[in-house]
Amino acid sequence: MPLQRGKVLGYDFNRMVVDFTMFNQGKTVRCAISTAAMDDLEGKHEVKADQRVDQFLRLRDAIEERASRKFFERPVHAEGPVVLRSNDF
């Protein structure tokens, strides 16, 4: 069963990622996607910091589907967040 949708936590300017959560059988899975990955996915490269959450929301279905696949592809005992980068798409 794929991960379930969680919350958008917001844009982290210092790390240049949008943080979000998903759920695996009721357990929270921390996730993030780099701004470069979102720009590549959308084909835009002039997105401002205050527009990053809106960009995430436009791309949310594709991002969450890929985060779910990456979560289940990693080793069973892997810890830490699922971080999506350009090469994940």
PDB file of N, CA and C in Angstrom:
ATOM      1  N   MET A   1       0.847  -1.175   0.000  1.00  0.00           N
ATOM      2  CA  MET A   1       0.000   0.000   0.000  1.00  0.00           C
ATOM      3  C   MET A   1       0.899   1.247   0.000  1.00  0.00           C
ATOM      4  N   PRO A   2       0.664   2.197  -0.884  1.00  0.00           N
ATOM      5  CA  PRO A   2       1.501   3.406  -0.948  1.00  0.00           C
ATOM      6  C   PRO A   2       1.331   4.274   0.295  1.00  0.00           C
ATOM      7  N   LEU A   3       2.290   5.147   0.491  1.00  0.00           N
ATOM      8  CA  LEU A   3       2.193   6.101   1.586  1.00  0.00           C
ATOM      9  C   LEU A   3       0.960   6.979   1.391  1.00  0.00           C
ATOM     10  N   GLN A   4       0.418   7.435   2.504  1.00  0.00           N
ATOM     11  CA  GLN A   4      -0.751   8.303   2.476  1.00  0.00           C
ATOM     12  C   GLN A   4      -0.325   9.754   2.656  1.00  0.00           C
ATOM     13  N   ARG A   5      -1.090  10.658   2.106  1.00  0.00           N
ATOM     14  CA  ARG A   5      -0.810  12.098   2.154  1.00  0.00           C
ATOM     15  C   ARG A   5      -0.803  12.605   3.594  1.00  0.00           C
ATOM     16  N   GLY A   6       0.168  13.463   3.863  1.00  0.00           N
ATOM     17  CA  GLY A   6       0.267  14.107   5.173  1.00  0.00           C
ATOM     18  C   GLY A   6       0.144  15.613   5.025  1.00  0.00           C
ATOM     19  N   LYS A   7       1.010  16.326   5.725  1.00  0.00           N
ATOM     20  CA  LYS A   7       0.958  17.781   5.751  1.00  0.00           C
ATOM     21  C   LYS A   7       2.131  18.397   5.001  1.00  0.00           C
ATOM     22  N   VAL A   8       1.902  19.580   4.491  1.00  0.00           N
ATOM     23  CA  VAL A   8       2.981  20.389   3.931  1.00  0.00           C
ATOM     24  C   VAL A   8       3.515  21.219   5.096  1.00  0.00           C
ATOM     25  N   LEU A   9       4.794  21.050   5.410  1.00  0.00           N
ATOM     26  CA  LEU A   9       5.380  21.742   6.553  1.00  0.00           C
ATOM     27  C   LEU A   9       5.933  23.105   6.180  1.00  0.00           C
ATOM     28  N   GLY A  10       6.257  23.290   4.903  1.00  0.00           N
ATOM     29  CA  GLY A  10       6.721  24.597   4.459  1.00  0.00           C
ATOM     30  C   GLY A  10       8.069  24.557   3.781  1.00  0.00           C
ATOM     31  N   TYR A  11       8.476  25.726   3.338  1.00  0.00           N
ATOM     32  CA  TYR A  11       9.725  25.900   2.615  1.00  0.00           C
ATOM     33  C   TYR A  11      10.841  26.244   3.585  1.00  0.00           C
ATOM     34  N   ASP A  12      11.955  25.514   3.500  1.00  0.00           N
ATOM     35  CA  ASP A  12      13.138  25.780   4.314  1.00  0.00           C
ATOM     36  C   ASP A  12      14.167  26.464   3.423  1.00  0.00           C
ATOM     37  N   PHE A  13      14.289  27.766   3.565  1.00  0.00           N
ATOM     38  CA  PHE A  13      15.175  28.562   2.719  1.00  0.00           C
ATOM     39  C   PHE A  13      16.627  28.116   2.853  1.00  0.00           C
ATOM     40  N   ASN A  14      17.072  27.798   4.058  1.00  0.00           N
ATOM     41  CA  ASN A  14      18.471  27.419   4.278  1.00  0.00           C
ATOM     42  C   ASN A  14      18.842  26.115   3.584  1.00  0.00           C
ATOM     43  N   ARG A  15      17.928  25.169   3.555  1.00  0.00           N
ATOM     44  CA  ARG A  15      18.192  23.879   2.910  1.00  0.00           C
ATOM     45  C   ARG A  15      17.700  23.843   1.471  1.00  0.00           C
ATOM     46  N   MET A  16      16.912  24.849   1.081  1.00  0.00           N
ATOM     47  CA  MET A  16      16.323  24.931  -0.258  1.00  0.00           C
ATOM     48  C   MET A  16      15.493  23.698  -0.588  1.00  0.00           C
ATOM     49  N   VAL A  17      14.604  23.349   0.343  1.00  0.00           N
ATOM     50  CA  VAL A  17      13.684  22.221   0.176  1.00  0.00           C
ATOM     51  C   VAL A  17      12.313  22.606   0.700  1.00  0.00           C
ATOM     52  N   VAL A  18      11.314  21.902   0.223  1.00  0.00           N
ATOM     53  CA  VAL A  18       9.987  21.963   0.823  1.00  0.00           C
ATOM     54  C   VAL A  18       9.840  20.689   1.645  1.00  0.00           C
ATOM     55  N   ASP A  19       9.555  20.860   2.931  1.00  0.00           N
ATOM     56  CA  ASP A  19       9.360  19.732   3.837  1.00  0.00           C
ATOM     57  C   ASP A  19       7.887  19.357   3.871  1.00  0.00           C
ATOM     58  N   PHE A  20       7.640  18.055   3.914  1.00  0.00           N
ATOM     59  CA  PHE A  20       6.265  17.558   4.008  1.00  0.00           C
ATOM     60  C   PHE A  20       6.276  16.206   4.701  1.00  0.00           C
ATOM     61  N   THR A  21       5.102  15.753   5.097  1.00  0.00           N
ATOM     62  CA  THR A  21       4.998  14.437   5.728  1.00  0.00           C
ATOM     63  C   THR A  21       4.060  13.554   4.920  1.00  0.00           C
ATOM     64  N   MET A  22       4.264  12.263   5.126  1.00  0.00           N
ATOM     65  CA  MET A  22       3.354  11.257   4.595  1.00  0.00           C
ATOM     66  C   MET A  22       3.182  10.222   5.703  1.00  0.00           C
ATOM     67  N   PHE A  23       2.279   9.282   5.510  1.00  0.00           N
ATOM     68  CA  PHE A  23       2.020   8.283   6.543  1.00  0.00           C
ATOM     69  C   PHE A  23       2.161   6.880   5.978  1.00  0.00           C
ATOM     70  N   ASN A  24       2.818   6.013   6.764  1.00  0.00           N
ATOM     71  CA  ASN A  24       2.939   4.597   6.448  1.00  0.00           C
ATOM     72  C   ASN A  24       2.298   3.832   7.595  1.00  0.00           C
ATOM     73  N   GLN A  25       1.107   3.313   7.368  1.00  0.00           N
ATOM     74  CA  GLN A  25       0.349   2.567   8.384  1.00  0.00           C
ATOM     75  C   GLN A  25       0.256   3.359   9.687  1.00  0.00           C
ATOM     76  N   GLY A  26      -0.072   4.628   9.569  1.00  0.00           N
ATOM     77  CA  GLY A  26      -0.268   5.474  10.729  1.00  0.00           C
ATOM     78  C   GLY A  26       0.993   6.124  11.277  1.00  0.00           C
ATOM     79  N   LYS A  27       2.161   5.715  10.809  1.00  0.00           N
ATOM     80  CA  LYS A  27       3.413   6.309  11.270  1.00  0.00           C
ATOM     81  C   LYS A  27       3.824   7.437  10.335  1.00  0.00           C
ATOM     82  N   THR A  28       4.267   8.537  10.911  1.00  0.00           N
ATOM     83  CA  THR A  28       4.685   9.694  10.124  1.00  0.00           C
ATOM     84  C   THR A  28       6.026   9.432   9.446  1.00  0.00           C
ATOM     85  N   VAL A  29       6.084   9.756   8.171  1.00  0.00           N
ATOM     86  CA  VAL A  29       7.321   9.665   7.391  1.00  0.00           C
ATOM     87  C   VAL A  29       7.677  11.088   6.976  1.00  0.00           C
ATOM     88  N   ARG A  30       8.819  11.572   7.437  1.00  0.00           N
ATOM     89  CA  ARG A  30       9.277  12.914   7.052  1.00  0.00           C
ATOM     90  C   ARG A  30       9.830  12.852   5.633  1.00  0.00           C
ATOM     91  N   CYS A  31       9.503  13.861   4.844  1.00  0.00           N
ATOM     92  CA  CYS A  31       9.943  13.916   3.453  1.00  0.00           C
ATOM     93  C   CYS A  31      10.343  15.347   3.105  1.00  0.00           C
ATOM     94  N   ALA A  32      11.123  15.468   2.036  1.00  0.00           N
ATOM     95  CA  ALA A  32      11.509  16.786   1.527  1.00  0.00           C
ATOM     96  C   ALA A  32      11.787  16.648   0.037  1.00  0.00           C
ATOM     97  N   ILE A  33      11.600  17.751  -0.668  1.00  0.00           N
ATOM     98  CA  ILE A  33      11.967  17.794  -2.082  1.00  0.00           C
ATOM     99  C   ILE A  33      12.763  19.063  -2.318  1.00  0.00           C
ATOM    100  N   SER A  34      13.847  18.925  -3.060  1.00  0.00           N
ATOM    101  CA  SER A  34      14.685  20.089  -3.342  1.00  0.00           C
ATOM    102  C   SER A  34      13.977  21.018  -4.322  1.00  0.00           C
ATOM    103  N   THR A  35      14.319  22.292  -4.222  1.00  0.00           N
ATOM    104  CA  THR A  35      13.748  23.260  -5.146  1.00  0.00           C
ATOM    105  C   THR A  35      14.204  22.972  -6.570  1.00  0.00           C
ATOM    106  N   ALA A  36      15.426  22.479  -6.726  1.00  0.00           N
ATOM    107  CA  ALA A  36      15.924  22.139  -8.059  1.00  0.00           C
ATOM    108  C   ALA A  36      15.081  21.032  -8.685  1.00  0.00           C
ATOM    109  N   ALA A  37      14.697  20.049  -7.880  1.00  0.00           N
ATOM    110  CA  ALA A  37      13.853  18.957  -8.397  1.00  0.00           C
ATOM    111  C   ALA A  37      12.489  19.475  -8.823  1.00  0.00           C
ATOM    112  N   MET A  38      11.909  20.370  -8.031  1.00  0.00           N
ATOM    113  CA  MET A  38      10.607  20.928  -8.408  1.00  0.00           C
ATOM    114  C   MET A  38      10.736  21.768  -9.667  1.00  0.00           C
ATOM    115  N   ASP A  39      11.801  22.555  -9.763  1.00  0.00           N
ATOM    116  CA  ASP A  39      12.009  23.375 -10.962  1.00  0.00           C
ATOM    117  C   ASP A  39      12.155  22.506 -12.207  1.00  0.00           C
ATOM    118  N   ASP A  40      12.942  21.439 -12.088  1.00  0.00           N
ATOM    119  CA  ASP A  40      13.118  20.527 -13.226  1.00  0.00           C
ATOM    120  C   ASP A  40      11.806  19.848 -13.586  1.00  0.00           C
ATOM    121  N   LEU A  41      11.058  19.431 -12.582  1.00  0.00           N
ATOM    122  CA  LEU A  41       9.784  18.741 -12.811  1.00  0.00           C
ATOM    123  C   LEU A  41       8.780  19.651 -13.506  1.00  0.00           C
ATOM    124  N   GLU A  42       8.776  20.914 -13.111  1.00  0.00           N
ATOM    125  CA  GLU A  42       7.809  21.853 -13.672  1.00  0.00           C
ATOM    126  C   GLU A  42       8.331  22.571 -14.912  1.00  0.00           C
ATOM    127  N   GLY A  43       9.641  22.562 -15.115  1.00  0.00           N
ATOM    128  CA  GLY A  43      10.216  23.271 -16.261  1.00  0.00           C
ATOM    129  C   GLY A  43      10.306  24.768 -16.043  1.00  0.00           C
ATOM    130  N   LYS A  44      10.315  25.199 -14.773  1.00  0.00           N
ATOM    131  CA  LYS A  44      10.447  26.612 -14.429  1.00  0.00           C
ATOM    132  C   LYS A  44      11.686  26.783 -13.567  1.00  0.00           C
ATOM    133  N   HIS A  45      12.373  27.896 -13.747  1.00  0.00           N
ATOM    134  CA  HIS A  45      13.574  28.123 -12.939  1.00  0.00           C
ATOM    135  C   HIS A  45      13.623  29.526 -12.366  1.00  0.00           C
ATOM    136  N   GLU A  46      12.533  30.232 -12.381  1.00  0.00           N
ATOM    137  CA  GLU A  46      12.475  31.602 -11.866  1.00  0.00           C
ATOM    138  C   GLU A  46      11.492  31.704 -10.700  1.00  0.00           C
ATOM    139  N   VAL A  47      11.325  30.630  -9.948  1.00  0.00           N
ATOM    140  CA  VAL A  47      10.353  30.605  -8.857  1.00  0.00           C
ATOM    141  C   VAL A  47      10.965  31.266  -7.620  1.00  0.00           C
ATOM    142  N   LYS A  48      10.215  32.177  -7.013  1.00  0.00           N
ATOM    143  CA  LYS A  48      10.688  32.901  -5.830  1.00  0.00           C
ATOM    144  C   LYS A  48      10.388  32.105  -4.568  1.00  0.00           C
ATOM    145  N   ALA A  49      11.129  32.422  -3.513  1.00  0.00           N
ATOM    146  CA  ALA A  49      11.002  31.698  -2.246  1.00  0.00           C
ATOM    147  C   ALA A  49       9.565  31.667  -1.735  1.00  0.00           C
ATOM    148  N   ASP A  50       8.852  32.782  -1.838  1.00  0.00           N
ATOM    149  CA  ASP A  50       7.481  32.820  -1.321  1.00  0.00           C
ATOM    150  C   ASP A  50       6.482  32.086  -2.206  1.00  0.00           C
ATOM    151  N   GLN A  51       6.939  31.535  -3.328  1.00  0.00           N
ATOM    152  CA  GLN A  51       6.078  30.777  -4.235  1.00  0.00           C
ATOM    153  C   GLN A  51       6.333  29.273  -4.167  1.00  0.00           C
ATOM    154  N   ARG A  52       7.272  28.855  -3.325  1.00  0.00           N
ATOM    155  CA  ARG A  52       7.671  27.440  -3.293  1.00  0.00           C
ATOM    156  C   ARG A  52       6.572  26.506  -2.806  1.00  0.00           C
ATOM    157  N   VAL A  53       5.817  26.895  -1.807  1.00  0.00           N
ATOM    158  CA  VAL A  53       4.742  26.025  -1.322  1.00  0.00           C
ATOM    159  C   VAL A  53       3.666  25.880  -2.394  1.00  0.00           C
ATOM    160  N   ASP A  54       3.333  26.965  -3.076  1.00  0.00           N
ATOM    161  CA  ASP A  54       2.361  26.885  -4.177  1.00  0.00           C
ATOM    162  C   ASP A  54       2.871  25.970  -5.281  1.00  0.00           C
ATOM    163  N   GLN A  55       4.162  26.055  -5.584  1.00  0.00           N
ATOM    164  CA  GLN A  55       4.750  25.167  -6.590  1.00  0.00           C
ATOM    165  C   GLN A  55       4.615  23.708  -6.141  1.00  0.00           C
ATOM    166  N   PHE A  56       4.917  23.445  -4.871  1.00  0.00           N
ATOM    167  CA  PHE A  56       4.771  22.094  -4.339  1.00  0.00           C
ATOM    168  C   PHE A  56       3.337  21.607  -4.520  1.00  0.00           C
ATOM    169  N   LEU A  57       2.377  22.456  -4.189  1.00  0.00           N
ATOM    170  CA  LEU A  57       0.969  22.058  -4.285  1.00  0.00           C
ATOM    171  C   LEU A  57       0.569  21.733  -5.722  1.00  0.00           C
ATOM    172  N   ARG A  58       1.106  22.487  -6.699  1.00  0.00           N
ATOM    173  CA  ARG A  58       0.814  22.182  -8.119  1.00  0.00           C
ATOM    174  C   ARG A  58       1.368  20.815  -8.518  1.00  0.00           C
ATOM    175  N   LEU A  59       2.503  20.450  -7.951  1.00  0.00           N
ATOM    176  CA  LEU A  59       3.200  19.215  -8.322  1.00  0.00           C
ATOM    177  C   LEU A  59       2.982  18.082  -7.314  1.00  0.00           C
ATOM    178  N   ARG A  60       2.132  18.313  -6.359  1.00  0.00           N
ATOM    179  CA  ARG A  60       2.002  17.420  -5.205  1.00  0.00           C
ATOM    180  C   ARG A  60       1.765  15.963  -5.557  1.00  0.00           C
ATOM    181  N   ASP A  61       0.871  15.686  -6.479  1.00  0.00           N
ATOM    182  CA  ASP A  61       0.576  14.289  -6.810  1.00  0.00           C
ATOM    183  C   ASP A  61       1.824  13.554  -7.296  1.00  0.00           C
ATOM    184  N   ALA A  62       2.568  14.155  -8.209  1.00  0.00           N
ATOM    185  CA  ALA A  62       3.778  13.520  -8.745  1.00  0.00           C
ATOM    186  C   ALA A  62       4.850  13.383  -7.663  1.00  0.00           C
ATOM    187  N   ILE A  63       4.986  14.401  -6.830  1.00  0.00           N
ATOM    188  CA  ILE A  63       5.991  14.382  -5.760  1.00  0.00           C
ATOM    189  C   ILE A  63       5.678  13.281  -4.758  1.00  0.00           C
ATOM    190  N   GLU A  64       4.438  13.216  -4.313  1.00  0.00           N
ATOM    191  CA  GLU A  64       4.073  12.215  -3.316  1.00  0.00           C
ATOM    192  C   GLU A  64       4.139  10.797  -3.871  1.00  0.00           C
ATOM    193  N   GLU A  65       3.796  10.625  -5.121  1.00  0.00           N
ATOM    194  CA  GLU A  65       3.900   9.293  -5.727  1.00  0.00           C
ATOM    195  C   GLU A  65       5.358   8.846  -5.738  1.00  0.00           C
ATOM    196  N   ARG A  66       6.258   9.750  -6.094  1.00  0.00           N
ATOM    197  CA  ARG A  66       7.683   9.397  -6.151  1.00  0.00           C
ATOM    198  C   ARG A  66       8.260   9.196  -4.760  1.00  0.00           C
ATOM    199  N   ALA A  67       7.832   9.992  -3.794  1.00  0.00           N
ATOM    200  CA  ALA A  67       8.292   9.813  -2.410  1.00  0.00           C
ATOM    201  C   ALA A  67       7.867   8.446  -1.877  1.00  0.00           C
ATOM    202  N   SER A  68       6.660   8.040  -2.205  1.00  0.00           N
ATOM    203  CA  SER A  68       6.177   6.729  -1.780  1.00  0.00           C
ATOM    204  C   SER A  68       7.011   5.616  -2.398  1.00  0.00           C
ATOM    205  N   ARG A  69       7.273   5.707  -3.697  1.00  0.00           N
ATOM    206  CA  ARG A  69       8.099   4.681  -4.351  1.00  0.00           C
ATOM    207  C   ARG A  69       9.497   4.634  -3.747  1.00  0.00           C
ATOM    208  N   LYS A  70      10.099   5.814  -3.532  1.00  0.00           N
ATOM    209  CA  LYS A  70      11.455   5.855  -2.975  1.00  0.00           C
ATOM    210  C   LYS A  70      11.481   5.269  -1.565  1.00  0.00           C
ATOM    211  N   PHE A  71      10.460   5.538  -0.768  1.00  0.00           N
ATOM    212  CA  PHE A  71      10.376   4.996   0.588  1.00  0.00           C
ATOM    213  C   PHE A  71      10.404   3.468   0.561  1.00  0.00           C
ATOM    214  N   PHE A  72       9.616   2.869  -0.325  1.00  0.00           N
ATOM    215  CA  PHE A  72       9.535   1.412  -0.363  1.00  0.00           C
ATOM    216  C   PHE A  72      10.710   0.763  -1.090  1.00  0.00           C
ATOM    217  N   GLU A  73      11.484   1.531  -1.847  1.00  0.00           N
ATOM    218  CA  GLU A  73      12.673   1.000  -2.525  1.00  0.00           C
ATOM    219  C   GLU A  73      13.889   0.966  -1.612  1.00  0.00           C
ATOM    220  N   ARG A  74      13.883   1.775  -0.571  1.00  0.00           N
ATOM    221  CA  ARG A  74      15.064   1.834   0.293  1.00  0.00           C
ATOM    222  C   ARG A  74      15.092   0.631   1.235  1.00  0.00           C
ATOM    223  N   PRO A  75      16.245   0.370   1.859  1.00  0.00           N
ATOM    224  CA  PRO A  75      16.344  -0.781   2.775  1.00  0.00           C
ATOM    225  C   PRO A  75      15.326  -0.694   3.906  1.00  0.00           C
ATOM    226  N   VAL A  76      14.883  -1.850   4.358  1.00  0.00           N
ATOM    227  CA  VAL A  76      13.816  -1.938   5.357  1.00  0.00           C
ATOM    228  C   VAL A  76      14.142  -1.149   6.619  1.00  0.00           C
ATOM    229  N   HIS A  77      15.375  -1.188   7.075  1.00  0.00           N
ATOM    230  CA  HIS A  77      15.737  -0.529   8.328  1.00  0.00           C
ATOM    231  C   HIS A  77      16.296   0.875   8.126  1.00  0.00           C
ATOM    232  N   ALA A  78      16.131   1.438   6.957  1.00  0.00           N
ATOM    233  CA  ALA A  78      16.627   2.792   6.684  1.00  0.00           C
ATOM    234  C   ALA A  78      15.906   3.796   7.566  1.00  0.00           C
ATOM    235  N   GLU A  79      16.668   4.743   8.068  1.00  0.00           N
ATOM    236  CA  GLU A  79      16.110   5.788   8.926  1.00  0.00           C
ATOM    237  C   GLU A  79      16.275   7.128   8.241  1.00  0.00           C
ATOM    238  N   GLY A  80      15.630   8.120   8.780  1.00  0.00           N
ATOM    239  CA  GLY A  80      15.767   9.465   8.241  1.00  0.00           C
ATOM    240  C   GLY A  80      14.709   9.769   7.206  1.00  0.00           C
ATOM    241  N   PRO A  81      14.694  11.025   6.781  1.00  0.00           N
ATOM    242  CA  PRO A  81      13.651  11.455   5.840  1.00  0.00           C
ATOM    243  C   PRO A  81      13.879  10.928   4.430  1.00  0.00           C
ATOM    244  N   VAL A  82      12.812  10.911   3.666  1.00  0.00           N
ATOM    245  CA  VAL A  82      12.880  10.617   2.231  1.00  0.00           C
ATOM    246  C   VAL A  82      13.116  11.965   1.553  1.00  0.00           C
ATOM    247  N   VAL A  83      14.271  12.116   0.924  1.00  0.00           N
ATOM    248  CA  VAL A  83      14.613  13.374   0.268  1.00  0.00           C
ATOM    249  C   VAL A  83      14.646  13.146  -1.238  1.00  0.00           C
ATOM    250  N   LEU A  84      13.830  13.900  -1.946  1.00  0.00           N
ATOM    251  CA  LEU A  84      13.763  13.794  -3.406  1.00  0.00           C
ATOM    252  C   LEU A  84      14.645  14.852  -4.038  1.00  0.00           C
ATOM    253  N   ARG A  85      15.434  14.420  -5.010  1.00  0.00           N
ATOM    254  CA  ARG A  85      16.305  15.301  -5.768  1.00  0.00           C
ATOM    255  C   ARG A  85      15.959  15.153  -7.248  1.00  0.00           C
ATOM    256  N   SER A  86      16.556  15.978  -8.088  1.00  0.00           N
ATOM    257  CA  SER A  86      16.253  15.943  -9.528  1.00  0.00           C
ATOM    258  C   SER A  86      16.423  14.561 -10.132  1.00  0.00           C
ATOM    259  N   ASN A  87      17.452  13.832  -9.702  1.00  0.00           N
ATOM    260  CA  ASN A  87      17.700  12.519 -10.297  1.00  0.00           C
ATOM    261  C   ASN A  87      16.677  11.461  -9.885  1.00  0.00           C
ATOM    262  N   ASP A  88      15.760  11.803  -8.996  1.00  0.00           N
ATOM    263  CA  ASP A  88      14.702  10.871  -8.614  1.00  0.00           C
ATOM    264  C   ASP A  88      13.535  10.878  -9.594  1.00  0.00           C
ATOM    265  N   PHE A  89      13.554  11.823 -10.541  1.00  0.00           N
ATOM    266  CA  PHE A  89      12.431  11.923 -11.477  1.00  0.00           C
ATOM    267  C   PHE A  89      12.835  11.542 -12.847  1.00  0.00           C
TER     268      PHE A  89
END
